[in-house]
Amino acid sequence: MAAMIEFGCTAGHERRGDPSITVEQKAWAYCPAGATEQHQWTRIDPTAVETLRSSAGNGHPRLVPDQSDERSLTSRPAR
C-alpha cells in the first residue's frame, strides 16, 4: 500500500514541472506545481498520490481542519 498524502500546497506557484512530493510535519505533502519552496501547506484528507494526479480527482483534494497541536503554516478555509 502506498503512503498517503496529508498536505496539499495551495500557494499560487507558476507551474515549474512535474508535481512534487516532500515531507511536511512528518507527513507526505504534494505540490501540483512542482515548486521546491515557498509552499502554503493545508492539511487534506489522506489521499493516494494517484488520485491527486488523476484528471478524475481534478487535482483538488478535499481540505479538512488541522487537528494537530503543531502551528499551522497557512490559514484554513471556513467550512
PDB file of N, CA and C in Angstrom:
ATOM      1  N   MET A   1       0.842  -1.180   0.000  1.00  0.00           N
ATOM      2  CA  MET A   1       0.000   0.000   0.000  1.00  0.00           C
ATOM      3  C   MET A   1       0.892   1.249   0.000  1.00  0.00           C
ATOM      4  N   ALA A   2       0.562   2.186  -0.835  1.00  0.00           N
ATOM      5  CA  ALA A   2       1.352   3.412  -0.958  1.00  0.00           C
ATOM      6  C   ALA A   2       1.074   4.348   0.213  1.00  0.00           C
ATOM      7  N   ALA A   3       2.056   5.188   0.512  1.00  0.00           N
ATOM      8  CA  ALA A   3       1.873   6.201   1.544  1.00  0.00           C
ATOM      9  C   ALA A   3       0.824   7.205   1.090  1.00  0.00           C
ATOM     10  N   MET A   4       0.096   7.753   2.036  1.00  0.00           N
ATOM     11  CA  MET A   4      -0.965   8.706   1.731  1.00  0.00           C
ATOM     12  C   MET A   4      -0.447  10.132   1.891  1.00  0.00           C
ATOM     13  N   ILE A   5      -0.909  11.015   1.022  1.00  0.00           N
ATOM     14  CA  ILE A   5      -0.564  12.435   1.076  1.00  0.00           C
ATOM     15  C   ILE A   5      -1.485  13.103   2.093  1.00  0.00           C
ATOM     16  N   GLU A   6      -0.909  13.889   3.023  1.00  0.00           N
ATOM     17  CA  GLU A   6      -1.698  14.526   4.068  1.00  0.00           C
ATOM     18  C   GLU A   6      -1.692  16.055   4.017  1.00  0.00           C
ATOM     19  N   PHE A   7      -0.855  16.624   3.134  1.00  0.00           N
ATOM     20  CA  PHE A   7      -0.815  18.077   2.964  1.00  0.00           C
ATOM     21  C   PHE A   7      -0.823  18.404   1.479  1.00  0.00           C
ATOM     22  N   GLY A   8      -1.526  19.467   1.112  1.00  0.00           N
ATOM     23  CA  GLY A   8      -1.520  19.960  -0.253  1.00  0.00           C
ATOM     24  C   GLY A   8      -1.067  21.407  -0.263  1.00  0.00           C
ATOM     25  N   CYS A   9      -0.313  21.789  -1.265  1.00  0.00           N
ATOM     26  CA  CYS A   9       0.156  23.166  -1.384  1.00  0.00           C
ATOM     27  C   CYS A   9      -0.915  23.995  -2.094  1.00  0.00           C
ATOM     28  N   THR A  10      -1.284  25.102  -1.482  1.00  0.00           N
ATOM     29  CA  THR A  10      -2.299  25.991  -2.047  1.00  0.00           C
ATOM     30  C   THR A  10      -1.701  27.324  -2.509  1.00  0.00           C
ATOM     31  N   ALA A  11      -0.370  27.403  -2.522  1.00  0.00           N
ATOM     32  CA  ALA A  11       0.291  28.629  -2.991  1.00  0.00           C
ATOM     33  C   ALA A  11       0.050  28.802  -4.484  1.00  0.00           C
ATOM     34  N   GLY A  12       0.083  30.017  -4.947  1.00  0.00           N
ATOM     35  CA  GLY A  12      -0.141  30.310  -6.355  1.00  0.00           C
ATOM     36  C   GLY A  12       1.128  30.235  -7.175  1.00  0.00           C
ATOM     37  N   HIS A  13       1.831  29.118  -7.106  1.00  0.00           N
ATOM     38  CA  HIS A  13       3.076  28.946  -7.868  1.00  0.00           C
ATOM     39  C   HIS A  13       2.793  28.916  -9.367  1.00  0.00           C
ATOM     40  N   GLU A  14       3.743  29.425 -10.134  1.00  0.00           N
ATOM     41  CA  GLU A  14       3.729  29.182 -11.573  1.00  0.00           C
ATOM     42  C   GLU A  14       4.155  27.732 -11.757  1.00  0.00           C
ATOM     43  N   ARG A  15       3.617  27.078 -12.742  1.00  0.00           N
ATOM     44  CA  ARG A  15       3.952  25.677 -12.995  1.00  0.00           C
ATOM     45  C   ARG A  15       5.448  25.572 -13.296  1.00  0.00           C
ATOM     46  N   ARG A  16       6.143  24.700 -12.543  1.00  0.00           N
ATOM     47  CA  ARG A  16       7.592  24.565 -12.692  1.00  0.00           C
ATOM     48  C   ARG A  16       8.010  23.201 -13.203  1.00  0.00           C
ATOM     49  N   GLY A  17       7.073  22.337 -13.431  1.00  0.00           N
ATOM     50  CA  GLY A  17       7.403  20.985 -13.886  1.00  0.00           C
ATOM     51  C   GLY A  17       6.405  19.991 -13.343  1.00  0.00           C
ATOM     52  N   ASP A  18       6.854  18.762 -13.192  1.00  0.00           N
ATOM     53  CA  ASP A  18       6.002  17.718 -12.651  1.00  0.00           C
ATOM     54  C   ASP A  18       5.671  18.015 -11.193  1.00  0.00           C
ATOM     55  N   PRO A  19       4.506  17.549 -10.720  1.00  0.00           N
ATOM     56  CA  PRO A  19       4.166  17.727  -9.305  1.00  0.00           C
ATOM     57  C   PRO A  19       5.273  17.164  -8.416  1.00  0.00           C
ATOM     58  N   SER A  20       5.438  17.759  -7.240  1.00  0.00           N
ATOM     59  CA  SER A  20       6.476  17.301  -6.320  1.00  0.00           C
ATOM     60  C   SER A  20       5.854  16.784  -5.028  1.00  0.00           C
ATOM     61  N   ILE A  21       6.566  15.862  -4.394  1.00  0.00           N
ATOM     62  CA  ILE A  21       6.163  15.302  -3.111  1.00  0.00           C
ATOM     63  C   ILE A  21       7.320  15.507  -2.156  1.00  0.00           C
ATOM     64  N   THR A  22       7.009  15.952  -0.933  1.00  0.00           N
ATOM     65  CA  THR A  22       8.022  16.199   0.080  1.00  0.00           C
ATOM     66  C   THR A  22       7.432  15.842   1.445  1.00  0.00           C
ATOM     67  N   VAL A  23       8.161  16.105   2.497  1.00  0.00           N
ATOM     68  CA  VAL A  23       7.690  15.830   3.849  1.00  0.00           C
ATOM     69  C   VAL A  23       7.386  17.148   4.553  1.00  0.00           C
ATOM     70  N   GLU A  24       6.225  17.225   5.197  1.00  0.00           N
ATOM     71  CA  GLU A  24       5.804  18.388   5.981  1.00  0.00           C
ATOM     72  C   GLU A  24       5.198  17.860   7.277  1.00  0.00           C
ATOM     73  N   GLN A  25       5.707  18.319   8.399  1.00  0.00           N
ATOM     74  CA  GLN A  25       5.211  17.901   9.721  1.00  0.00           C
ATOM     75  C   GLN A  25       5.128  16.374   9.821  1.00  0.00           C
ATOM     76  N   LYS A  26       6.172  15.686   9.374  1.00  0.00           N
ATOM     77  CA  LYS A  26       6.308  14.227   9.443  1.00  0.00           C
ATOM     78  C   LYS A  26       5.258  13.481   8.620  1.00  0.00           C
ATOM     79  N   ALA A  27       4.713  14.128   7.588  1.00  0.00           N
ATOM     80  CA  ALA A  27       3.733  13.502   6.703  1.00  0.00           C
ATOM     81  C   ALA A  27       4.052  13.893   5.263  1.00  0.00           C
ATOM     82  N   TRP A  28       3.551  13.103   4.306  1.00  0.00           N
ATOM     83  CA  TRP A  28       3.783  13.408   2.895  1.00  0.00           C
ATOM     84  C   TRP A  28       2.960  14.606   2.461  1.00  0.00           C
ATOM     85  N   ALA A  29       3.564  15.445   1.616  1.00  0.00           N
ATOM     86  CA  ALA A  29       2.938  16.672   1.125  1.00  0.00           C
ATOM     87  C   ALA A  29       3.107  16.753  -0.391  1.00  0.00           C
ATOM     88  N   TYR A  30       2.106  17.300  -1.074  1.00  0.00           N
ATOM     89  CA  TYR A  30       2.040  17.307  -2.538  1.00  0.00           C
ATOM     90  C   TYR A  30       1.885  18.731  -3.057  1.00  0.00           C
ATOM     91  N   CYS A  31       2.747  19.111  -4.003  1.00  0.00           N
ATOM     92  CA  CYS A  31       2.642  20.408  -4.662  1.00  0.00           C
ATOM     93  C   CYS A  31       2.371  20.165  -6.140  1.00  0.00           C
ATOM     94  N   PRO A  32       1.161  20.482  -6.623  1.00  0.00           N
ATOM     95  CA  PRO A  32       0.834  20.208  -8.021  1.00  0.00           C
ATOM     96  C   PRO A  32       1.661  21.018  -9.018  1.00  0.00           C
ATOM     97  N   ALA A  33       2.228  22.144  -8.594  1.00  0.00           N
ATOM     98  CA  ALA A  33       3.017  22.985  -9.496  1.00  0.00           C
ATOM     99  C   ALA A  33       4.472  22.543  -9.590  1.00  0.00           C
ATOM    100  N   GLY A  34       4.898  21.650  -8.712  1.00  0.00           N
ATOM    101  CA  GLY A  34       6.286  21.192  -8.742  1.00  0.00           C
ATOM    102  C   GLY A  34       7.270  22.162  -8.127  1.00  0.00           C
ATOM    103  N   ALA A  35       6.790  23.098  -7.335  1.00  0.00           N
ATOM    104  CA  ALA A  35       7.681  24.073  -6.697  1.00  0.00           C
ATOM    105  C   ALA A  35       8.526  23.396  -5.622  1.00  0.00           C
ATOM    106  N   THR A  36       9.673  23.997  -5.321  1.00  0.00           N
ATOM    107  CA  THR A  36      10.561  23.444  -4.302  1.00  0.00           C
ATOM    108  C   THR A  36      10.625  24.297  -3.040  1.00  0.00           C
ATOM    109  N   GLU A  37       9.974  25.462  -3.055  1.00  0.00           N
ATOM    110  CA  GLU A  37       9.993  26.353  -1.884  1.00  0.00           C
ATOM    111  C   GLU A  37       8.766  27.257  -1.894  1.00  0.00           C
ATOM    112  N   GLN A  38       8.604  28.003  -0.809  1.00  0.00           N
ATOM    113  CA  GLN A  38       7.516  28.971  -0.628  1.00  0.00           C
ATOM    114  C   GLN A  38       6.128  28.329  -0.745  1.00  0.00           C
ATOM    115  N   HIS A  39       5.983  27.164  -0.111  1.00  0.00           N
ATOM    116  CA  HIS A  39       4.696  26.474  -0.106  1.00  0.00           C
ATOM    117  C   HIS A  39       3.768  27.068   0.946  1.00  0.00           C
ATOM    118  N   GLN A  40       2.486  26.882   0.747  1.00  0.00           N
ATOM    119  CA  GLN A  40       1.459  27.161   1.751  1.00  0.00           C
ATOM    120  C   GLN A  40       0.721  25.845   1.932  1.00  0.00           C
ATOM    121  N   TRP A  41       1.064  25.124   3.001  1.00  0.00           N
ATOM    122  CA  TRP A  41       0.520  23.788   3.204  1.00  0.00           C
ATOM    123  C   TRP A  41      -0.826  23.839   3.892  1.00  0.00           C
ATOM    124  N   THR A  42      -1.735  23.017   3.413  1.00  0.00           N
ATOM    125  CA  THR A  42      -3.053  22.850   4.010  1.00  0.00           C
ATOM    126  C   THR A  42      -3.265  21.358   4.202  1.00  0.00           C
ATOM    127  N   ARG A  43      -3.719  20.977   5.393  1.00  0.00           N
ATOM    128  CA  ARG A  43      -3.972  19.561   5.662  1.00  0.00           C
ATOM    129  C   ARG A  43      -5.160  19.100   4.822  1.00  0.00           C
ATOM    130  N   ILE A  44      -5.033  17.897   4.249  1.00  0.00           N
ATOM    131  CA  ILE A  44      -6.109  17.309   3.456  1.00  0.00           C
ATOM    132  C   ILE A  44      -6.444  15.930   4.020  1.00  0.00           C
ATOM    133  N   ASP A  45      -7.604  15.403   3.638  1.00  0.00           N
ATOM    134  CA  ASP A  45      -7.898  14.009   3.971  1.00  0.00           C
ATOM    135  C   ASP A  45      -6.786  13.168   3.373  1.00  0.00           C
ATOM    136  N   PRO A  46      -6.275  12.162   4.081  1.00  0.00           N
ATOM    137  CA  PRO A  46      -5.240  11.316   3.497  1.00  0.00           C
ATOM    138  C   PRO A  46      -5.699  10.777   2.140  1.00  0.00           C
ATOM    139  N   THR A  47      -4.902  11.048   1.120  1.00  0.00           N
ATOM    140  CA  THR A  47      -5.275  10.756  -0.261  1.00  0.00           C
ATOM    141  C   THR A  47      -4.095  10.130  -0.993  1.00  0.00           C
ATOM    142  N   ALA A  48      -4.361   9.120  -1.811  1.00  0.00           N
ATOM    143  CA  ALA A  48      -3.310   8.495  -2.613  1.00  0.00           C
ATOM    144  C   ALA A  48      -2.824   9.488  -3.666  1.00  0.00           C
ATOM    145  N   VAL A  49      -1.526   9.501  -3.924  1.00  0.00           N
ATOM    146  CA  VAL A  49      -0.960  10.421  -4.900  1.00  0.00           C
ATOM    147  C   VAL A  49      -1.569  10.189  -6.280  1.00  0.00           C
ATOM    148  N   GLU A  50      -1.920   8.956  -6.607  1.00  0.00           N
ATOM    149  CA  GLU A  50      -2.530   8.664  -7.903  1.00  0.00           C
ATOM    150  C   GLU A  50      -3.858   9.401  -8.064  1.00  0.00           C
ATOM    151  N   THR A  51      -4.595   9.539  -6.974  1.00  0.00           N
ATOM    152  CA  THR A  51      -5.864  10.270  -7.005  1.00  0.00           C
ATOM    153  C   THR A  51      -5.620  11.752  -7.234  1.00  0.00           C
ATOM    154  N   LEU A  52      -4.600  12.310  -6.588  1.00  0.00           N
ATOM    155  CA  LEU A  52      -4.287  13.732  -6.765  1.00  0.00           C
ATOM    156  C   LEU A  52      -3.836  14.030  -8.184  1.00  0.00           C
ATOM    157  N   ARG A  53      -3.134  13.098  -8.787  1.00  0.00           N
ATOM    158  CA  ARG A  53      -2.604  13.305 -10.139  1.00  0.00           C
ATOM    159  C   ARG A  53      -3.623  13.012 -11.234  1.00  0.00           C
ATOM    160  N   SER A  54      -4.694  12.293 -10.912  1.00  0.00           N
ATOM    161  CA  SER A  54      -5.646  11.890 -11.947  1.00  0.00           C
ATOM    162  C   SER A  54      -6.568  13.036 -12.338  1.00  0.00           C
ATOM    163  N   SER A  55      -7.037  13.012 -13.571  1.00  0.00           N
ATOM    164  CA  SER A  55      -7.983  14.035 -14.022  1.00  0.00           C
ATOM    165  C   SER A  55      -9.324  13.868 -13.318  1.00  0.00           C
ATOM    166  N   ALA A  56      -9.655  12.643 -12.903  1.00  0.00           N
ATOM    167  CA  ALA A  56     -10.900  12.414 -12.173  1.00  0.00           C
ATOM    168  C   ALA A  56     -10.859  13.091 -10.807  1.00  0.00           C
ATOM    169  N   GLY A  57      -9.669  13.138 -10.203  1.00  0.00           N
ATOM    170  CA  GLY A  57      -9.507  13.811  -8.915  1.00  0.00           C
ATOM    171  C   GLY A  57      -9.391  15.311  -9.064  1.00  0.00           C
ATOM    172  N   ASN A  58      -9.247  15.794 -10.297  1.00  0.00           N
ATOM    173  CA  ASN A  58      -9.138  17.218 -10.615  1.00  0.00           C
ATOM    174  C   ASN A  58      -7.970  17.910  -9.919  1.00  0.00           C
ATOM    175  N   GLY A  59      -7.132  17.161  -9.207  1.00  0.00           N
ATOM    176  CA  GLY A  59      -6.010  17.773  -8.504  1.00  0.00           C
ATOM    177  C   GLY A  59      -6.435  18.654  -7.350  1.00  0.00           C
ATOM    178  N   HIS A  60      -7.708  18.553  -6.945  1.00  0.00           N
ATOM    179  CA  HIS A  60      -8.231  19.385  -5.862  1.00  0.00           C
ATOM    180  C   HIS A  60      -8.643  18.512  -4.689  1.00  0.00           C
ATOM    181  N   PRO A  61      -7.727  18.249  -3.759  1.00  0.00           N
ATOM    182  CA  PRO A  61      -8.079  17.420  -2.613  1.00  0.00           C
ATOM    183  C   PRO A  61      -9.066  18.129  -1.698  1.00  0.00           C
ATOM    184  N   ARG A  62      -9.829  17.358  -0.983  1.00  0.00           N
ATOM    185  CA  ARG A  62     -10.780  17.931  -0.022  1.00  0.00           C
ATOM    186  C   ARG A  62     -10.012  18.433   1.195  1.00  0.00           C
ATOM    187  N   LEU A  63     -10.169  19.689   1.534  1.00  0.00           N
ATOM    188  CA  LEU A  63      -9.464  20.281   2.668  1.00  0.00           C
ATOM    189  C   LEU A  63     -10.201  19.976   3.964  1.00  0.00           C
ATOM    190  N   VAL A  64      -9.442  19.690   5.016  1.00  0.00           N
ATOM    191  CA  VAL A  64     -10.015  19.425   6.331  1.00  0.00           C
ATOM    192  C   VAL A  64      -9.269  20.249   7.360  1.00  0.00           C
ATOM    193  N   PRO A  65      -9.909  20.574   8.484  1.00  0.00           N
ATOM    194  CA  PRO A  65      -9.219  21.343   9.522  1.00  0.00           C
ATOM    195  C   PRO A  65      -8.022  20.576  10.069  1.00  0.00           C
ATOM    196  N   ASP A  66      -6.991  21.294  10.440  1.00  0.00           N
ATOM    197  CA  ASP A  66      -5.799  20.701  11.028  1.00  0.00           C
ATOM    198  C   ASP A  66      -6.083  20.402  12.491  1.00  0.00           C
ATOM    199  N   GLN A  67      -5.978  19.145  12.878  1.00  0.00           N
ATOM    200  CA  GLN A  67      -6.246  18.731  14.249  1.00  0.00           C
ATOM    201  C   GLN A  67      -4.972  18.604  15.085  1.00  0.00           C
ATOM    202  N   SER A  68      -3.827  18.895  14.489  1.00  0.00           N
ATOM    203  CA  SER A  68      -2.562  18.733  15.210  1.00  0.00           C
ATOM    204  C   SER A  68      -2.320  19.912  16.152  1.00  0.00           C
ATOM    205  N   ASP A  69      -1.408  19.684  17.072  1.00  0.00           N
ATOM    206  CA  ASP A  69      -1.012  20.740  18.003  1.00  0.00           C
ATOM    207  C   ASP A  69       0.068  21.616  17.394  1.00  0.00           C
ATOM    208  N   GLU A  70       0.600  21.216  16.245  1.00  0.00           N
ATOM    209  CA  GLU A  70       1.659  21.987  15.609  1.00  0.00           C
ATOM    210  C   GLU A  70       1.080  23.239  14.965  1.00  0.00           C
ATOM    211  N   ARG A  71       1.876  24.282  14.940  1.00  0.00           N
ATOM    212  CA  ARG A  71       1.449  25.555  14.369  1.00  0.00           C
ATOM    213  C   ARG A  71       1.190  25.407  12.879  1.00  0.00           C
ATOM    214  N   SER A  72       0.070  25.920  12.427  1.00  0.00           N
ATOM    215  CA  SER A  72      -0.302  25.840  11.031  1.00  0.00           C
ATOM    216  C   SER A  72       0.547  26.794  10.206  1.00  0.00           C
ATOM    217  N   LEU A  73       0.827  26.389   8.954  1.00  0.00           N
ATOM    218  CA  LEU A  73       1.617  27.233   8.065  1.00  0.00           C
ATOM    219  C   LEU A  73       0.733  28.023   7.119  1.00  0.00           C
ATOM    220  N   THR A  74      -0.568  27.822   7.194  1.00  0.00           N
ATOM    221  CA  THR A  74      -1.493  28.541   6.319  1.00  0.00           C
ATOM    222  C   THR A  74      -2.837  28.641   7.010  1.00  0.00           C
ATOM    223  N   SER A  75      -3.641  29.584   6.605  1.00  0.00           N
ATOM    224  CA  SER A  75      -4.983  29.691   7.185  1.00  0.00           C
ATOM    225  C   SER A  75      -5.883  28.621   6.599  1.00  0.00           C
ATOM    226  N   ARG A  76      -6.854  28.223   7.351  1.00  0.00           N
ATOM    227  CA  ARG A  76      -7.792  27.208   6.919  1.00  0.00           C
ATOM    228  C   ARG A  76      -9.055  27.855   6.367  1.00  0.00           C
ATOM    229  N   PRO A  77      -9.602  27.304   5.295  1.00  0.00           N
ATOM    230  CA  PRO A  77     -10.863  27.842   4.772  1.00  0.00           C
ATOM    231  C   PRO A  77     -12.016  27.528   5.715  1.00  0.00           C
ATOM    232  N   ALA A  78     -13.002  28.412   5.744  1.00  0.00           N
ATOM    233  CA  ALA A  78     -14.187  28.171   6.572  1.00  0.00           C
ATOM    234  C   ALA A  78     -14.979  27.036   5.966  1.00  0.00           C
ATOM    235  N   ARG A  79     -15.584  26.231   6.818  1.00  0.00           N
ATOM    236  CA  ARG A  79     -16.385  25.105   6.335  1.00  0.00           C
ATOM    237  C   ARG A  79     -17.836  25.430   6.432  1.00  0.00           C
TER     238      ARG A  79
END
